[in-house]
Amino acid sequence: MDADRPGAEGLPGGFGLGNLDDYELGEMLDKAWGADVFRILSEKGPLGLLNGPLDSVYVNKCHLCSEVFGRLLA
């Protein structure tokens, strides 16, 4: 894992917005609102990113999100 970008290399394409050392926050937010993945997350939540149901019980939203991203990366 790169110390300057913890965890970023483990995400599928479209999730990285840049580094605040290189971009203004407004630029990064504009980029996020223009990205399909963030629109889907905003409108449908993490389950909107899946192509099928999850069959588990989740303790909280973080647990659910972790499972969704684990499937996307598999």
PDB file of N, CA and C in Angstrom:
ATOM      1  N   MET A   1       0.847  -1.182   0.000  1.00  0.00           N
ATOM      2  CA  MET A   1       0.000   0.000   0.000  1.00  0.00           C
ATOM      3  C   MET A   1       0.883   1.233   0.000  1.00  0.00           C
ATOM      4  N   ASP A   2       0.561   2.186  -0.815  1.00  0.00           N
ATOM      5  CA  ASP A   2       1.318   3.414  -0.915  1.00  0.00           C
ATOM      6  C   ASP A   2       0.952   4.319   0.256  1.00  0.00           C
ATOM      7  N   ALA A   3       1.953   4.821   0.975  1.00  0.00           N
ATOM      8  CA  ALA A   3       1.700   5.642   2.161  1.00  0.00           C
ATOM      9  C   ALA A   3       1.005   6.956   1.815  1.00  0.00           C
ATOM     10  N   ASP A   4       1.215   7.469   0.603  1.00  0.00           N
ATOM     11  CA  ASP A   4       0.587   8.730   0.210  1.00  0.00           C
ATOM     12  C   ASP A   4      -0.867   8.565  -0.192  1.00  0.00           C
ATOM     13  N   ARG A   5      -1.252   7.343  -0.553  1.00  0.00           N
ATOM     14  CA  ARG A   5      -2.622   7.082  -0.979  1.00  0.00           C
ATOM     15  C   ARG A   5      -3.114   5.799  -0.338  1.00  0.00           C
ATOM     16  N   PRO A   6      -3.334   5.781   0.965  1.00  0.00           N
ATOM     17  CA  PRO A   6      -3.733   4.530   1.621  1.00  0.00           C
ATOM     18  C   PRO A   6      -5.034   3.985   1.075  1.00  0.00           C
ATOM     19  N   GLY A   7      -4.980   2.771   0.575  1.00  0.00           N
ATOM     20  CA  GLY A   7      -6.167   2.088   0.108  1.00  0.00           C
ATOM     21  C   GLY A   7      -6.630   2.461  -1.285  1.00  0.00           C
ATOM     22  N   ALA A   8      -6.143   3.547  -1.856  1.00  0.00           N
ATOM     23  CA  ALA A   8      -6.642   4.011  -3.151  1.00  0.00           C
ATOM     24  C   ALA A   8      -6.371   3.005  -4.266  1.00  0.00           C
ATOM     25  N   GLU A   9      -5.243   2.334  -4.216  1.00  0.00           N
ATOM     26  CA  GLU A   9      -4.924   1.395  -5.288  1.00  0.00           C
ATOM     27  C   GLU A   9      -5.820   0.172  -5.264  1.00  0.00           C
ATOM     28  N   GLY A  10      -6.526  -0.049  -4.162  1.00  0.00           N
ATOM     29  CA  GLY A  10      -7.406  -1.196  -4.066  1.00  0.00           C
ATOM     30  C   GLY A  10      -8.814  -0.933  -4.574  1.00  0.00           C
ATOM     31  N   LEU A  11      -9.089   0.281  -4.990  1.00  0.00           N
ATOM     32  CA  LEU A  11     -10.430   0.617  -5.460  1.00  0.00           C
ATOM     33  C   LEU A  11     -10.546   0.445  -6.963  1.00  0.00           C
ATOM     34  N   PRO A  12     -11.732   0.059  -7.433  1.00  0.00           N
ATOM     35  CA  PRO A  12     -11.933  -0.022  -8.880  1.00  0.00           C
ATOM     36  C   PRO A  12     -11.846   1.366  -9.509  1.00  0.00           C
ATOM     37  N   GLY A  13     -11.654   1.429 -10.809  1.00  0.00           N
ATOM     38  CA  GLY A  13     -11.577   2.703 -11.504  1.00  0.00           C
ATOM     39  C   GLY A  13     -12.801   3.557 -11.269  1.00  0.00           C
ATOM     40  N   GLY A  14     -12.604   4.857 -11.276  1.00  0.00           N
ATOM     41  CA  GLY A  14     -13.715   5.782 -11.094  1.00  0.00           C
ATOM     42  C   GLY A  14     -13.909   6.256  -9.671  1.00  0.00           C
ATOM     43  N   PHE A  15     -13.213   5.647  -8.709  1.00  0.00           N
ATOM     44  CA  PHE A  15     -13.373   6.042  -7.318  1.00  0.00           C
ATOM     45  C   PHE A  15     -12.362   7.097  -6.889  1.00  0.00           C
ATOM     46  N   GLY A  16     -11.222   7.133  -7.538  1.00  0.00           N
ATOM     47  CA  GLY A  16     -10.201   8.107  -7.163  1.00  0.00           C
ATOM     48  C   GLY A  16     -10.550   9.490  -7.678  1.00  0.00           C
ATOM     49  N   LEU A  17     -10.423  10.471  -6.814  1.00  0.00           N
ATOM     50  CA  LEU A  17     -10.738  11.848  -7.196  1.00  0.00           C
ATOM     51  C   LEU A  17      -9.515  12.728  -7.256  1.00  0.00           C
ATOM     52  N   GLY A  18      -8.406  12.258  -6.726  1.00  0.00           N
ATOM     53  CA  GLY A  18      -7.197  13.060  -6.716  1.00  0.00           C
ATOM     54  C   GLY A  18      -6.721  13.305  -5.304  1.00  0.00           C
ATOM     55  N   ASN A  19      -5.771  14.187  -5.189  1.00  0.00           N
ATOM     56  CA  ASN A  19      -5.133  14.496  -3.924  1.00  0.00           C
ATOM     57  C   ASN A  19      -5.342  15.979  -3.635  1.00  0.00           C
ATOM     58  N   LEU A  20      -5.743  16.317  -2.429  1.00  0.00           N
ATOM     59  CA  LEU A  20      -5.986  17.721  -2.088  1.00  0.00           C
ATOM     60  C   LEU A  20      -4.722  18.563  -2.145  1.00  0.00           C
ATOM     61  N   ASP A  21      -3.563  17.913  -2.183  1.00  0.00           N
ATOM     62  CA  ASP A  21      -2.317  18.659  -2.379  1.00  0.00           C
ATOM     63  C   ASP A  21      -2.207  19.148  -3.822  1.00  0.00           C
ATOM     64  N   ASP A  22      -2.906  18.486  -4.731  1.00  0.00           N
ATOM     65  CA  ASP A  22      -2.812  18.811  -6.155  1.00  0.00           C
ATOM     66  C   ASP A  22      -4.032  19.534  -6.712  1.00  0.00           C
ATOM     67  N   TYR A  23      -5.180  19.413  -6.065  1.00  0.00           N
ATOM     68  CA  TYR A  23      -6.435  19.985  -6.572  1.00  0.00           C
ATOM     69  C   TYR A  23      -7.160  20.735  -5.470  1.00  0.00           C
ATOM     70  N   GLU A  24      -7.975  21.678  -5.865  1.00  0.00           N
ATOM     71  CA  GLU A  24      -8.855  22.368  -4.926  1.00  0.00           C
ATOM     72  C   GLU A  24     -10.020  21.440  -4.577  1.00  0.00           C
ATOM     73  N   LEU A  25     -10.557  21.586  -3.379  1.00  0.00           N
ATOM     74  CA  LEU A  25     -11.671  20.759  -2.949  1.00  0.00           C
ATOM     75  C   LEU A  25     -12.855  20.884  -3.908  1.00  0.00           C
ATOM     76  N   GLY A  26     -13.153  22.085  -4.367  1.00  0.00           N
ATOM     77  CA  GLY A  26     -14.265  22.288  -5.296  1.00  0.00           C
ATOM     78  C   GLY A  26     -14.095  21.507  -6.589  1.00  0.00           C
ATOM     79  N   GLU A  27     -12.856  21.438  -7.088  1.00  0.00           N
ATOM     80  CA  GLU A  27     -12.584  20.669  -8.303  1.00  0.00           C
ATOM     81  C   GLU A  27     -12.859  19.184  -8.077  1.00  0.00           C
ATOM     82  N   MET A  28     -12.453  18.700  -6.921  1.00  0.00           N
ATOM     83  CA  MET A  28     -12.643  17.283  -6.613  1.00  0.00           C
ATOM     84  C   MET A  28     -14.122  16.958  -6.439  1.00  0.00           C
ATOM     85  N   LEU A  29     -14.869  17.851  -5.805  1.00  0.00           N
ATOM     86  CA  LEU A  29     -16.297  17.625  -5.625  1.00  0.00           C
ATOM     87  C   LEU A  29     -17.030  17.662  -6.966  1.00  0.00           C
ATOM     88  N   ASP A  30     -16.645  18.582  -7.846  1.00  0.00           N
ATOM     89  CA  ASP A  30     -17.237  18.621  -9.197  1.00  0.00           C
ATOM     90  C   ASP A  30     -16.973  17.313  -9.926  1.00  0.00           C
ATOM     91  N   LYS A  31     -15.760  16.800  -9.800  1.00  0.00           N
ATOM     92  CA  LYS A  31     -15.410  15.537 -10.439  1.00  0.00           C
ATOM     93  C   LYS A  31     -16.253  14.394  -9.863  1.00  0.00           C
ATOM     94  N   ALA A  32     -16.458  14.406  -8.546  1.00  0.00           N
ATOM     95  CA  ALA A  32     -17.259  13.356  -7.908  1.00  0.00           C
ATOM     96  C   ALA A  32     -18.699  13.394  -8.405  1.00  0.00           C
ATOM     97  N   TRP A  33     -19.295  14.585  -8.455  1.00  0.00           N
ATOM     98  CA  TRP A  33     -20.694  14.685  -8.879  1.00  0.00           C
ATOM     99  C   TRP A  33     -20.866  14.314 -10.334  1.00  0.00           C
ATOM    100  N   GLY A  34     -19.804  14.394 -11.133  1.00  0.00           N
ATOM    101  CA  GLY A  34     -19.881  14.026 -12.536  1.00  0.00           C
ATOM    102  C   GLY A  34     -19.606  12.552 -12.798  1.00  0.00           C
ATOM    103  N   ALA A  35     -19.190  11.812 -11.770  1.00  0.00           N
ATOM    104  CA  ALA A  35     -18.838  10.398 -11.945  1.00  0.00           C
ATOM    105  C   ALA A  35     -20.046   9.502 -11.685  1.00  0.00           C
ATOM    106  N   ASP A  36     -20.271   8.550 -12.577  1.00  0.00           N
ATOM    107  CA  ASP A  36     -21.410   7.640 -12.436  1.00  0.00           C
ATOM    108  C   ASP A  36     -21.410   6.910 -11.099  1.00  0.00           C
ATOM    109  N   VAL A  37     -20.258   6.457 -10.665  1.00  0.00           N
ATOM    110  CA  VAL A  37     -20.198   5.656  -9.445  1.00  0.00           C
ATOM    111  C   VAL A  37     -20.689   6.451  -8.235  1.00  0.00           C
ATOM    112  N   PHE A  38     -20.340   7.734  -8.156  1.00  0.00           N
ATOM    113  CA  PHE A  38     -20.796   8.541  -7.032  1.00  0.00           C
ATOM    114  C   PHE A  38     -22.274   8.889  -7.152  1.00  0.00           C
ATOM    115  N   ARG A  39     -22.756   9.040  -8.380  1.00  0.00           N
ATOM    116  CA  ARG A  39     -24.199   9.283  -8.583  1.00  0.00           C
ATOM    117  C   ARG A  39     -24.994   8.070  -8.110  1.00  0.00           C
ATOM    118  N   ILE A  40     -24.522   6.868  -8.490  1.00  0.00           N
ATOM    119  CA  ILE A  40     -25.207   5.637  -8.074  1.00  0.00           C
ATOM    120  C   ILE A  40     -25.179   5.499  -6.558  1.00  0.00           C
ATOM    121  N   LEU A  41     -24.019   5.752  -5.945  1.00  0.00           N
ATOM    122  CA  LEU A  41     -23.928   5.671  -4.481  1.00  0.00           C
ATOM    123  C   LEU A  41     -24.887   6.657  -3.825  1.00  0.00           C
ATOM    124  N   SER A  42     -24.988   7.860  -4.382  1.00  0.00           N
ATOM    125  CA  SER A  42     -25.862   8.884  -3.820  1.00  0.00           C
ATOM    126  C   SER A  42     -27.339   8.511  -3.959  1.00  0.00           C
ATOM    127  N   GLU A  43     -27.714   7.966  -5.122  1.00  0.00           N
ATOM    128  CA  GLU A  43     -29.117   7.672  -5.393  1.00  0.00           C
ATOM    129  C   GLU A  43     -29.582   6.329  -4.845  1.00  0.00           C
ATOM    130  N   LYS A  44     -28.710   5.306  -4.907  1.00  0.00           N
ATOM    131  CA  LYS A  44     -29.124   3.945  -4.559  1.00  0.00           C
ATOM    132  C   LYS A  44     -28.348   3.322  -3.406  1.00  0.00           C
ATOM    133  N   GLY A  45     -27.248   3.954  -3.014  1.00  0.00           N
ATOM    134  CA  GLY A  45     -26.419   3.375  -1.956  1.00  0.00           C
ATOM    135  C   GLY A  45     -25.511   2.292  -2.521  1.00  0.00           C
ATOM    136  N   PRO A  46     -24.730   1.647  -1.667  1.00  0.00           N
ATOM    137  CA  PRO A  46     -23.762   0.643  -2.111  1.00  0.00           C
ATOM    138  C   PRO A  46     -24.373  -0.507  -2.900  1.00  0.00           C
ATOM    139  N   LEU A  47     -25.597  -0.910  -2.565  1.00  0.00           N
ATOM    140  CA  LEU A  47     -26.215  -2.024  -3.284  1.00  0.00           C
ATOM    141  C   LEU A  47     -26.459  -1.698  -4.746  1.00  0.00           C
ATOM    142  N   GLY A  48     -26.555  -0.434  -5.089  1.00  0.00           N
ATOM    143  CA  GLY A  48     -26.741  -0.037  -6.475  1.00  0.00           C
ATOM    144  C   GLY A  48     -25.554  -0.398  -7.354  1.00  0.00           C
ATOM    145  N   LEU A  49     -24.402  -0.656  -6.753  1.00  0.00           N
ATOM    146  CA  LEU A  49     -23.203  -1.006  -7.515  1.00  0.00           C
ATOM    147  C   LEU A  49     -23.133  -2.487  -7.843  1.00  0.00           C
ATOM    148  N   LEU A  50     -23.991  -3.283  -7.240  1.00  0.00           N
ATOM    149  CA  LEU A  50     -23.928  -4.730  -7.445  1.00  0.00           C
ATOM    150  C   LEU A  50     -24.830  -5.199  -8.565  1.00  0.00           C
ATOM    151  N   ASN A  51     -24.452  -6.309  -9.142  1.00  0.00           N
ATOM    152  CA  ASN A  51     -25.295  -6.969 -10.145  1.00  0.00           C
ATOM    153  C   ASN A  51     -25.865  -8.239  -9.543  1.00  0.00           C
ATOM    154  N   GLY A  52     -26.495  -8.130  -8.435  1.00  0.00           N
ATOM    155  CA  GLY A  52     -27.070  -9.295  -7.786  1.00  0.00           C
ATOM    156  C   GLY A  52     -27.223  -9.033  -6.300  1.00  0.00           C
ATOM    157  N   PRO A  53     -28.013  -9.862  -5.647  1.00  0.00           N
ATOM    158  CA  PRO A  53     -28.286  -9.642  -4.222  1.00  0.00           C
ATOM    159  C   PRO A  53     -27.136 -10.103  -3.339  1.00  0.00           C
ATOM    160  N   LEU A  54     -27.071  -9.517  -2.173  1.00  0.00           N
ATOM    161  CA  LEU A  54     -26.165  -9.979  -1.123  1.00  0.00           C
ATOM    162  C   LEU A  54     -27.010 -10.823  -0.182  1.00  0.00           C
ATOM    163  N   ASP A  55     -26.437 -11.873   0.351  1.00  0.00           N
ATOM    164  CA  ASP A  55     -27.231 -12.738   1.225  1.00  0.00           C
ATOM    165  C   ASP A  55     -26.554 -12.863   2.586  1.00  0.00           C
ATOM    166  N   SER A  56     -26.465 -11.757   3.264  1.00  0.00           N
ATOM    167  CA  SER A  56     -25.813 -11.737   4.555  1.00  0.00           C
ATOM    168  C   SER A  56     -26.517 -10.731   5.452  1.00  0.00           C
ATOM    169  N   VAL A  57     -26.140 -10.747   6.711  1.00  0.00           N
ATOM    170  CA  VAL A  57     -26.644  -9.766   7.673  1.00  0.00           C
ATOM    171  C   VAL A  57     -25.500  -8.799   7.949  1.00  0.00           C
ATOM    172  N   TYR A  58     -25.788  -7.525   7.980  1.00  0.00           N
ATOM    173  CA  TYR A  58     -24.757  -6.511   8.148  1.00  0.00           C
ATOM    174  C   TYR A  58     -24.967  -5.759   9.447  1.00  0.00           C
ATOM    175  N   VAL A  59     -23.873  -5.528  10.136  1.00  0.00           N
ATOM    176  CA  VAL A  59     -23.951  -4.842  11.419  1.00  0.00           C
ATOM    177  C   VAL A  59     -24.195  -3.351  11.259  1.00  0.00           C
ATOM    178  N   ASN A  60     -23.699  -2.786  10.167  1.00  0.00           N
ATOM    179  CA  ASN A  60     -23.874  -1.358   9.917  1.00  0.00           C
ATOM    180  C   ASN A  60     -23.575  -1.067   8.447  1.00  0.00           C
ATOM    181  N   LYS A  61     -23.681   0.199   8.071  1.00  0.00           N
ATOM    182  CA  LYS A  61     -23.448   0.580   6.674  1.00  0.00           C
ATOM    183  C   LYS A  61     -22.002   0.324   6.256  1.00  0.00           C
ATOM    184  N   CYS A  62     -21.067   0.498   7.168  1.00  0.00           N
ATOM    185  CA  CYS A  62     -19.646   0.274   6.839  1.00  0.00           C
ATOM    186  C   CYS A  62     -19.401  -1.192   6.492  1.00  0.00           C
ATOM    187  N   HIS A  63     -20.038  -2.096   7.219  1.00  0.00           N
ATOM    188  CA  HIS A  63     -19.902  -3.523   6.953  1.00  0.00           C
ATOM    189  C   HIS A  63     -20.470  -3.847   5.568  1.00  0.00           C
ATOM    190  N   LEU A  64     -21.633  -3.312   5.257  1.00  0.00           N
ATOM    191  CA  LEU A  64     -22.257  -3.515   3.946  1.00  0.00           C
ATOM    192  C   LEU A  64     -21.345  -2.987   2.842  1.00  0.00           C
ATOM    193  N   CYS A  65     -20.854  -1.780   2.999  1.00  0.00           N
ATOM    194  CA  CYS A  65     -20.000  -1.163   1.991  1.00  0.00           C
ATOM    195  C   CYS A  65     -18.731  -1.994   1.780  1.00  0.00           C
ATOM    196  N   SER A  66     -18.168  -2.492   2.850  1.00  0.00           N
ATOM    197  CA  SER A  66     -16.974  -3.329   2.765  1.00  0.00           C
ATOM    198  C   SER A  66     -17.256  -4.587   1.945  1.00  0.00           C
ATOM    199  N   GLU A  67     -18.394  -5.193   2.150  1.00  0.00           N
ATOM    200  CA  GLU A  67     -18.774  -6.384   1.380  1.00  0.00           C
ATOM    201  C   GLU A  67     -18.974  -6.052  -0.104  1.00  0.00           C
ATOM    202  N   VAL A  68     -19.619  -4.934  -0.386  1.00  0.00           N
ATOM    203  CA  VAL A  68     -19.858  -4.520  -1.770  1.00  0.00           C
ATOM    204  C   VAL A  68     -18.528  -4.298  -2.476  1.00  0.00           C
ATOM    205  N   PHE A  69     -17.624  -3.531  -1.863  1.00  0.00           N
ATOM    206  CA  PHE A  69     -16.347  -3.259  -2.496  1.00  0.00           C
ATOM    207  C   PHE A  69     -15.506  -4.513  -2.620  1.00  0.00           C
ATOM    208  N   GLY A  70     -15.625  -5.416  -1.674  1.00  0.00           N
ATOM    209  CA  GLY A  70     -14.918  -6.695  -1.777  1.00  0.00           C
ATOM    210  C   GLY A  70     -15.352  -7.480  -3.009  1.00  0.00           C
ATOM    211  N   ARG A  71     -16.639  -7.444  -3.300  1.00  0.00           N
ATOM    212  CA  ARG A  71     -17.145  -8.114  -4.516  1.00  0.00           C
ATOM    213  C   ARG A  71     -16.689  -7.424  -5.782  1.00  0.00           C
ATOM    214  N   LEU A  72     -16.652  -6.101  -5.750  1.00  0.00           N
ATOM    215  CA  LEU A  72     -16.228  -5.351  -6.926  1.00  0.00           C
ATOM    216  C   LEU A  72     -14.764  -5.617  -7.242  1.00  0.00           C
ATOM    217  N   LEU A  73     -13.965  -5.838  -6.228  1.00  0.00           N
ATOM    218  CA  LEU A  73     -12.530  -6.028  -6.405  1.00  0.00           C
ATOM    219  C   LEU A  73     -12.168  -7.483  -6.689  1.00  0.00           C
ATOM    220  N   ALA A  74     -13.103  -8.395  -6.441  1.00  0.00           N
ATOM    221  CA  ALA A  74     -12.795  -9.828  -6.622  1.00  0.00           C
ATOM    222  C   ALA A  74     -12.699 -10.215  -8.073  1.00  0.00           C
TER     223      ALA A  74
END
